């Protein structure tokens, strides 16, 4: 989009909306400085990705499963 067209559209706005546009532009510029990309309106994607999990890295974070985990539940006896 050409800058002139954008300036003309902003010039037609009332003062309170011009202040909102200015705030939005400032927010976009700060996202740009933080290396964040806007791919869809209202959705923010960070460009730096979390490290890929390594196989076995979750070992020990889950508690021990009960020995009778696969056994039928007492509440379901009447349906079996």
PDB file of N, CA and C in Angstrom:
ATOM      1  N   UNK A   1       0.843  -1.162   0.000  1.00  0.00           N
ATOM      2  CA  UNK A   1       0.000   0.000   0.000  1.00  0.00           C
ATOM      3  C   UNK A   1       0.896   1.235   0.000  1.00  0.00           C
ATOM      4  N   UNK A   2       0.496   2.194  -0.776  1.00  0.00           N
ATOM      5  CA  UNK A   2       1.273   3.426  -0.854  1.00  0.00           C
ATOM      6  C   UNK A   2       1.051   4.270   0.395  1.00  0.00           C
ATOM      7  N   UNK A   3       2.098   4.951   0.815  1.00  0.00           N
ATOM      8  CA  UNK A   3       2.031   5.778   2.016  1.00  0.00           C
ATOM      9  C   UNK A   3       1.029   6.913   1.854  1.00  0.00           C
ATOM     10  N   UNK A   4       0.953   7.496   0.673  1.00  0.00           N
ATOM     11  CA  UNK A   4       0.032   8.607   0.432  1.00  0.00           C
ATOM     12  C   UNK A   4      -1.415   8.228   0.632  1.00  0.00           C
ATOM     13  N   UNK A   5      -1.795   7.041   0.169  1.00  0.00           N
ATOM     14  CA  UNK A   5      -3.171   6.561   0.323  1.00  0.00           C
ATOM     15  C   UNK A   5      -3.485   6.378   1.803  1.00  0.00           C
ATOM     16  N   UNK A   6      -2.549   5.790   2.526  1.00  0.00           N
ATOM     17  CA  UNK A   6      -2.742   5.570   3.955  1.00  0.00           C
ATOM     18  C   UNK A   6      -2.856   6.899   4.699  1.00  0.00           C
ATOM     19  N   UNK A   7      -2.027   7.860   4.332  1.00  0.00           N
ATOM     20  CA  UNK A   7      -2.089   9.180   4.973  1.00  0.00           C
ATOM     21  C   UNK A   7      -3.439   9.859   4.722  1.00  0.00           C
ATOM     22  N   UNK A   8      -3.979   9.728   3.524  1.00  0.00           N
ATOM     23  CA  UNK A   8      -5.273  10.333   3.201  1.00  0.00           C
ATOM     24  C   UNK A   8      -6.389   9.697   4.018  1.00  0.00           C
ATOM     25  N   UNK A   9      -6.326   8.364   4.191  1.00  0.00           N
ATOM     26  CA  UNK A   9      -7.347   7.678   4.971  1.00  0.00           C
ATOM     27  C   UNK A   9      -7.274   8.084   6.436  1.00  0.00           C
ATOM     28  N   UNK A  10      -6.066   8.206   6.959  1.00  0.00           N
ATOM     29  CA  UNK A  10      -5.902   8.610   8.355  1.00  0.00           C
ATOM     30  C   UNK A  10      -6.367  10.048   8.547  1.00  0.00           C
ATOM     31  N   UNK A  11      -6.113  10.898   7.580  1.00  0.00           N
ATOM     32  CA  UNK A  11      -6.510  12.307   7.678  1.00  0.00           C
ATOM     33  C   UNK A  11      -8.030  12.460   7.776  1.00  0.00           C
ATOM     34  N   UNK A  12      -8.794  11.534   7.211  1.00  0.00           N
ATOM     35  CA  UNK A  12     -10.257  11.603   7.249  1.00  0.00           C
ATOM     36  C   UNK A  12     -10.834  11.174   8.599  1.00  0.00           C
ATOM     37  N   UNK A  13     -10.027  10.532   9.426  1.00  0.00           N
ATOM     38  CA  UNK A  13     -10.521  10.022  10.707  1.00  0.00           C
ATOM     39  C   UNK A  13     -10.684  11.143  11.728  1.00  0.00           C
ATOM     40  N   UNK A  14     -11.618  10.974  12.671  1.00  0.00           N
ATOM     41  CA  UNK A  14     -11.709  11.933  13.772  1.00  0.00           C
ATOM     42  C   UNK A  14     -10.482  11.799  14.693  1.00  0.00           C
ATOM     43  N   UNK A  15     -10.255  12.804  15.494  1.00  0.00           N
ATOM     44  CA  UNK A  15      -9.031  12.866  16.310  1.00  0.00           C
ATOM     45  C   UNK A  15      -8.876  11.671  17.246  1.00  0.00           C
ATOM     46  N   UNK A  16      -9.974  11.225  17.870  1.00  0.00           N
ATOM     47  CA  UNK A  16      -9.872  10.097  18.801  1.00  0.00           C
ATOM     48  C   UNK A  16      -9.433   8.814  18.086  1.00  0.00           C
ATOM     49  N   UNK A  17      -9.883   8.616  16.834  1.00  0.00           N
ATOM     50  CA  UNK A  17      -9.468   7.432  16.084  1.00  0.00           C
ATOM     51  C   UNK A  17      -8.029   7.572  15.579  1.00  0.00           C
ATOM     52  N   UNK A  18      -7.608   8.794  15.304  1.00  0.00           N
ATOM     53  CA  UNK A  18      -6.211   9.006  14.910  1.00  0.00           C
ATOM     54  C   UNK A  18      -5.269   8.599  16.034  1.00  0.00           C
ATOM     55  N   UNK A  19      -5.670   8.877  17.277  1.00  0.00           N
ATOM     56  CA  UNK A  19      -4.854   8.478  18.420  1.00  0.00           C
ATOM     57  C   UNK A  19      -4.787   6.956  18.543  1.00  0.00           C
ATOM     58  N   UNK A  20      -5.906   6.283  18.259  1.00  0.00           N
ATOM     59  CA  UNK A  20      -5.906   4.818  18.286  1.00  0.00           C
ATOM     60  C   UNK A  20      -5.007   4.252  17.190  1.00  0.00           C
ATOM     61  N   UNK A  21      -5.055   4.855  16.005  1.00  0.00           N
ATOM     62  CA  UNK A  21      -4.200   4.406  14.896  1.00  0.00           C
ATOM     63  C   UNK A  21      -2.731   4.590  15.275  1.00  0.00           C
ATOM     64  N   UNK A  22      -2.429   5.719  15.906  1.00  0.00           N
ATOM     65  CA  UNK A  22      -1.047   5.971  16.327  1.00  0.00           C
ATOM     66  C   UNK A  22      -0.587   4.911  17.329  1.00  0.00           C
ATOM     67  N   UNK A  23      -1.465   4.581  18.285  1.00  0.00           N
ATOM     68  CA  UNK A  23      -1.135   3.532  19.256  1.00  0.00           C
ATOM     69  C   UNK A  23      -0.929   2.185  18.595  1.00  0.00           C
ATOM     70  N   UNK A  24      -1.768   1.877  17.601  1.00  0.00           N
ATOM     71  CA  UNK A  24      -1.635   0.607  16.884  1.00  0.00           C
ATOM     72  C   UNK A  24      -0.321   0.556  16.108  1.00  0.00           C
ATOM     73  N   UNK A  25       0.030   1.657  15.477  1.00  0.00           N
ATOM     74  CA  UNK A  25       1.291   1.711  14.734  1.00  0.00           C
ATOM     75  C   UNK A  25       2.467   1.538  15.686  1.00  0.00           C
ATOM     76  N   UNK A  26       2.410   2.187  16.852  1.00  0.00           N
ATOM     77  CA  UNK A  26       3.475   2.029  17.846  1.00  0.00           C
ATOM     78  C   UNK A  26       3.586   0.573  18.300  1.00  0.00           C
ATOM     79  N   UNK A  27       2.439  -0.084  18.490  1.00  0.00           N
ATOM     80  CA  UNK A  27       2.451  -1.491  18.901  1.00  0.00           C
ATOM     81  C   UNK A  27       3.067  -2.365  17.811  1.00  0.00           C
ATOM     82  N   UNK A  28       2.718  -2.103  16.553  1.00  0.00           N
ATOM     83  CA  UNK A  28       3.289  -2.875  15.453  1.00  0.00           C
ATOM     84  C   UNK A  28       4.797  -2.680  15.367  1.00  0.00           C
ATOM     85  N   UNK A  29       5.236  -1.448  15.571  1.00  0.00           N
ATOM     86  CA  UNK A  29       6.677  -1.185  15.526  1.00  0.00           C
ATOM     87  C   UNK A  29       7.408  -1.879  16.669  1.00  0.00           C
ATOM     88  N   UNK A  30       6.797  -1.942  17.843  1.00  0.00           N
ATOM     89  CA  UNK A  30       7.447  -2.632  18.959  1.00  0.00           C
ATOM     90  C   UNK A  30       7.504  -4.136  18.700  1.00  0.00           C
ATOM     91  N   UNK A  31       6.463  -4.692  18.053  1.00  0.00           N
ATOM     92  CA  UNK A  31       6.504  -6.113  17.686  1.00  0.00           C
ATOM     93  C   UNK A  31       7.620  -6.363  16.687  1.00  0.00           C
ATOM     94  N   UNK A  32       7.791  -5.453  15.757  1.00  0.00           N
ATOM     95  CA  UNK A  32       8.845  -5.570  14.756  1.00  0.00           C
ATOM     96  C   UNK A  32      10.210  -5.588  15.430  1.00  0.00           C
ATOM     97  N   UNK A  33      10.375  -4.725  16.436  1.00  0.00           N
ATOM     98  CA  UNK A  33      11.651  -4.650  17.152  1.00  0.00           C
ATOM     99  C   UNK A  33      11.904  -5.880  18.010  1.00  0.00           C
ATOM    100  N   UNK A  34      10.842  -6.577  18.415  1.00  0.00           N
ATOM    101  CA  UNK A  34      10.978  -7.781  19.239  1.00  0.00           C
ATOM    102  C   UNK A  34      11.071  -9.034  18.385  1.00  0.00           C
ATOM    103  N   UNK A  35      11.166  -8.875  17.076  1.00  0.00           N
ATOM    104  CA  UNK A  35      11.276 -10.012  16.164  1.00  0.00           C
ATOM    105  C   UNK A  35      10.031 -10.901  16.226  1.00  0.00           C
ATOM    106  N   UNK A  36       8.850 -10.275  16.227  1.00  0.00           N
ATOM    107  CA  UNK A  36       7.576 -10.984  16.239  1.00  0.00           C
ATOM    108  C   UNK A  36       6.860 -10.671  14.938  1.00  0.00           C
ATOM    109  N   UNK A  37       6.222 -11.688  14.353  1.00  0.00           N
ATOM    110  CA  UNK A  37       5.579 -11.534  13.051  1.00  0.00           C
ATOM    111  C   UNK A  37       4.067 -11.623  13.210  1.00  0.00           C
ATOM    112  N   UNK A  38       3.343 -10.703  12.563  1.00  0.00           N
ATOM    113  CA  UNK A  38       1.889 -10.783  12.482  1.00  0.00           C
ATOM    114  C   UNK A  38       1.536 -11.409  11.144  1.00  0.00           C
ATOM    115  N   UNK A  39       0.988 -12.616  11.162  1.00  0.00           N
ATOM    116  CA  UNK A  39       0.636 -13.278   9.905  1.00  0.00           C
ATOM    117  C   UNK A  39      -0.834 -13.114   9.569  1.00  0.00           C
ATOM    118  N   UNK A  40      -1.674 -13.012  10.587  1.00  0.00           N
ATOM    119  CA  UNK A  40      -3.106 -12.805  10.395  1.00  0.00           C
ATOM    120  C   UNK A  40      -3.513 -11.656  11.298  1.00  0.00           C
ATOM    121  N   UNK A  41      -4.504 -10.893  10.920  1.00  0.00           N
ATOM    122  CA  UNK A  41      -4.944  -9.801  11.789  1.00  0.00           C
ATOM    123  C   UNK A  41      -5.368 -10.328  13.156  1.00  0.00           C
ATOM    124  N   UNK A  42      -4.786  -9.799  14.202  1.00  0.00           N
ATOM    125  CA  UNK A  42      -5.148 -10.197  15.557  1.00  0.00           C
ATOM    126  C   UNK A  42      -4.436 -11.431  16.063  1.00  0.00           C
ATOM    127  N   UNK A  43      -3.640 -12.100  15.245  1.00  0.00           N
ATOM    128  CA  UNK A  43      -2.925 -13.303  15.670  1.00  0.00           C
ATOM    129  C   UNK A  43      -1.437 -13.012  15.625  1.00  0.00           C
ATOM    130  N   UNK A  44      -0.759 -13.277  16.726  1.00  0.00           N
ATOM    131  CA  UNK A  44       0.673 -12.988  16.813  1.00  0.00           C
ATOM    132  C   UNK A  44       1.447 -14.296  16.879  1.00  0.00           C
ATOM    133  N   UNK A  45       2.465 -14.407  16.057  1.00  0.00           N
ATOM    134  CA  UNK A  45       3.347 -15.555  16.056  1.00  0.00           C
ATOM    135  C   UNK A  45       4.748 -15.077  16.379  1.00  0.00           C
ATOM    136  N   UNK A  46       5.389 -15.708  17.340  1.00  0.00           N
ATOM    137  CA  UNK A  46       6.778 -15.367  17.618  1.00  0.00           C
ATOM    138  C   UNK A  46       7.645 -16.124  16.622  1.00  0.00           C
ATOM    139  N   UNK A  47       8.678 -15.458  16.129  1.00  0.00           N
ATOM    140  CA  UNK A  47       9.521 -16.111  15.138  1.00  0.00           C
ATOM    141  C   UNK A  47      10.511 -17.067  15.780  1.00  0.00           C
ATOM    142  N   UNK A  48      10.884 -16.824  17.014  1.00  0.00           N
ATOM    143  CA  UNK A  48      11.792 -17.755  17.670  1.00  0.00           C
ATOM    144  C   UNK A  48      10.964 -18.922  18.200  1.00  0.00           C
ATOM    145  N   UNK A  49      11.322 -20.088  17.820  1.00  0.00           N
ATOM    146  CA  UNK A  49      10.559 -21.284  18.190  1.00  0.00           C
ATOM    147  C   UNK A  49      11.164 -21.938  19.429  1.00  0.00           C
ATOM    148  N   UNK A  50      10.326 -22.618  20.180  1.00  0.00           N
ATOM    149  CA  UNK A  50      10.798 -23.350  21.348  1.00  0.00           C
ATOM    150  C   UNK A  50      11.651 -24.526  20.876  1.00  0.00           C
ATOM    151  N   UNK A  51      12.613 -24.931  21.664  1.00  0.00           N
ATOM    152  CA  UNK A  51      13.436 -26.063  21.249  1.00  0.00           C
ATOM    153  C   UNK A  51      12.598 -27.328  21.101  1.00  0.00           C
ATOM    154  N   UNK A  52      12.948 -28.139  20.137  1.00  0.00           N
ATOM    155  CA  UNK A  52      12.229 -29.380  19.881  1.00  0.00           C
ATOM    156  C   UNK A  52      12.500 -30.355  21.029  1.00  0.00           C
ATOM    157  N   UNK A  53      11.460 -30.997  21.560  1.00  0.00           N
ATOM    158  CA  UNK A  53      11.691 -31.917  22.671  1.00  0.00           C
ATOM    159  C   UNK A  53      12.535 -33.115  22.240  1.00  0.00           C
ATOM    160  N   UNK A  54      13.361 -33.570  23.162  1.00  0.00           N
ATOM    161  CA  UNK A  54      14.242 -34.707  22.913  1.00  0.00           C
ATOM    162  C   UNK A  54      13.551 -35.954  23.448  1.00  0.00           C
ATOM    163  N   UNK A  55      13.698 -37.069  22.762  1.00  0.00           N
ATOM    164  CA  UNK A  55      13.086 -38.321  23.183  1.00  0.00           C
ATOM    165  C   UNK A  55      13.539 -38.659  24.607  1.00  0.00           C
ATOM    166  N   UNK A  56      12.584 -38.930  25.468  1.00  0.00           N
ATOM    167  CA  UNK A  56      12.878 -39.297  26.841  1.00  0.00           C
ATOM    168  C   UNK A  56      12.996 -38.116  27.781  1.00  0.00           C
ATOM    169  N   UNK A  57      12.804 -36.906  27.290  1.00  0.00           N
ATOM    170  CA  UNK A  57      12.967 -35.736  28.156  1.00  0.00           C
ATOM    171  C   UNK A  57      11.840 -35.603  29.180  1.00  0.00           C
ATOM    172  N   UNK A  58      10.719 -36.278  28.992  1.00  0.00           N
ATOM    173  CA  UNK A  58       9.602 -36.210  29.930  1.00  0.00           C
ATOM    174  C   UNK A  58       9.621 -37.325  30.957  1.00  0.00           C
ATOM    175  N   UNK A  59      10.679 -38.114  30.959  1.00  0.00           N
ATOM    176  CA  UNK A  59      10.755 -39.259  31.863  1.00  0.00           C
ATOM    177  C   UNK A  59      10.718 -38.789  33.313  1.00  0.00           C
ATOM    178  N   UNK A  60       9.818 -39.391  34.084  1.00  0.00           N
ATOM    179  CA  UNK A  60       9.726 -39.097  35.498  1.00  0.00           C
ATOM    180  C   UNK A  60       8.779 -37.963  35.861  1.00  0.00           C
ATOM    181  N   UNK A  61       8.233 -37.249  34.867  1.00  0.00           N
ATOM    182  CA  UNK A  61       7.336 -36.146  35.215  1.00  0.00           C
ATOM    183  C   UNK A  61       5.907 -36.640  35.452  1.00  0.00           C
ATOM    184  N   UNK A  62       5.587 -37.823  35.018  1.00  0.00           N
ATOM    185  CA  UNK A  62       4.273 -38.397  35.255  1.00  0.00           C
ATOM    186  C   UNK A  62       4.374 -39.364  36.427  1.00  0.00           C
ATOM    187  N   UNK A  63       3.340 -39.370  37.258  1.00  0.00           N
ATOM    188  CA  UNK A  63       3.341 -40.258  38.411  1.00  0.00           C
ATOM    189  C   UNK A  63       3.182 -41.710  37.986  1.00  0.00           C
ATOM    190  N   UNK A  64       3.408 -42.617  38.924  1.00  0.00           N
ATOM    191  CA  UNK A  64       3.272 -44.046  38.649  1.00  0.00           C
ATOM    192  C   UNK A  64       1.797 -44.384  38.458  1.00  0.00           C
ATOM    193  N   UNK A  65       1.510 -45.178  37.440  1.00  0.00           N
ATOM    194  CA  UNK A  65       0.141 -45.575  37.151  1.00  0.00           C
ATOM    195  C   UNK A  65      -0.265 -46.692  38.117  1.00  0.00           C
ATOM    196  N   UNK A  66      -1.500 -46.663  38.552  1.00  0.00           N
ATOM    197  CA  UNK A  66      -1.994 -47.672  39.489  1.00  0.00           C
ATOM    198  C   UNK A  66      -1.921 -49.057  38.853  1.00  0.00           C
ATOM    199  N   UNK A  67      -1.690 -50.073  39.696  1.00  0.00           N
ATOM    200  CA  UNK A  67      -1.582 -51.445  39.197  1.00  0.00           C
ATOM    201  C   UNK A  67      -2.897 -51.939  38.601  1.00  0.00           C
ATOM    202  N   UNK A  68      -4.029 -51.443  39.094  1.00  0.00           N
ATOM    203  CA  UNK A  68      -5.329 -51.894  38.595  1.00  0.00           C
ATOM    204  C   UNK A  68      -5.914 -50.926  37.561  1.00  0.00           C
ATOM    205  N   UNK A  69      -5.065 -50.209  36.862  1.00  0.00           N
ATOM    206  CA  UNK A  69      -5.521 -49.204  35.900  1.00  0.00           C
ATOM    207  C   UNK A  69      -6.433 -49.801  34.836  1.00  0.00           C
ATOM    208  N   UNK A  70      -6.113 -50.983  34.330  1.00  0.00           N
ATOM    209  CA  UNK A  70      -6.891 -51.607  33.252  1.00  0.00           C
ATOM    210  C   UNK A  70      -8.089 -52.416  33.748  1.00  0.00           C
ATOM    211  N   UNK A  71      -8.264 -52.517  35.028  1.00  0.00           N
ATOM    212  CA  UNK A  71      -9.376 -53.284  35.577  1.00  0.00           C
ATOM    213  C   UNK A  71     -10.680 -52.514  35.400  1.00  0.00           C
ATOM    214  N   UNK A  72     -11.818 -53.218  35.252  1.00  0.00           N
ATOM    215  CA  UNK A  72     -13.114 -52.539  35.110  1.00  0.00           C
ATOM    216  C   UNK A  72     -13.439 -51.726  36.368  1.00  0.00           C
ATOM    217  N   UNK A  73     -14.117 -50.622  36.184  1.00  0.00           N
ATOM    218  CA  UNK A  73     -14.512 -49.768  37.302  1.00  0.00           C
ATOM    219  C   UNK A  73     -15.738 -50.344  37.993  1.00  0.00           C
ATOM    220  N   UNK A  74     -15.811 -50.174  39.324  1.00  0.00           N
ATOM    221  CA  UNK A  74     -16.957 -50.660  40.098  1.00  0.00           C
ATOM    222  C   UNK A  74     -18.251 -50.023  39.588  1.00  0.00           C
ATOM    223  N   UNK A  75     -18.204 -48.762  39.232  1.00  0.00           N
ATOM    224  CA  UNK A  75     -19.405 -48.052  38.779  1.00  0.00           C
ATOM    225  C   UNK A  75     -19.938 -48.595  37.459  1.00  0.00           C
ATOM    226  N   UNK A  76     -19.139 -49.292  36.702  1.00  0.00           N
ATOM    227  CA  UNK A  76     -19.554 -49.773  35.386  1.00  0.00           C
ATOM    228  C   UNK A  76     -19.944 -51.247  35.372  1.00  0.00           C
ATOM    229  N   UNK A  77     -19.914 -51.916  36.514  1.00  0.00           N
ATOM    230  CA  UNK A  77     -20.229 -53.335  36.597  1.00  0.00           C
ATOM    231  C   UNK A  77     -21.605 -53.652  36.023  1.00  0.00           C
ATOM    232  N   UNK A  78     -22.616 -52.786  36.301  1.00  0.00           N
ATOM    233  CA  UNK A  78     -23.976 -53.054  35.844  1.00  0.00           C
ATOM    234  C   UNK A  78     -24.124 -52.964  34.335  1.00  0.00           C
ATOM    235  N   UNK A  79     -23.186 -52.300  33.647  1.00  0.00           N
ATOM    236  CA  UNK A  79     -23.262 -52.187  32.205  1.00  0.00           C
ATOM    237  C   UNK A  79     -22.508 -53.292  31.477  1.00  0.00           C
ATOM    238  N   UNK A  80     -21.820 -54.121  32.204  1.00  0.00           N
ATOM    239  CA  UNK A  80     -20.994 -55.169  31.570  1.00  0.00           C
ATOM    240  C   UNK A  80     -21.677 -56.511  31.642  1.00  0.00           C
TER     241      UNK A  80
END
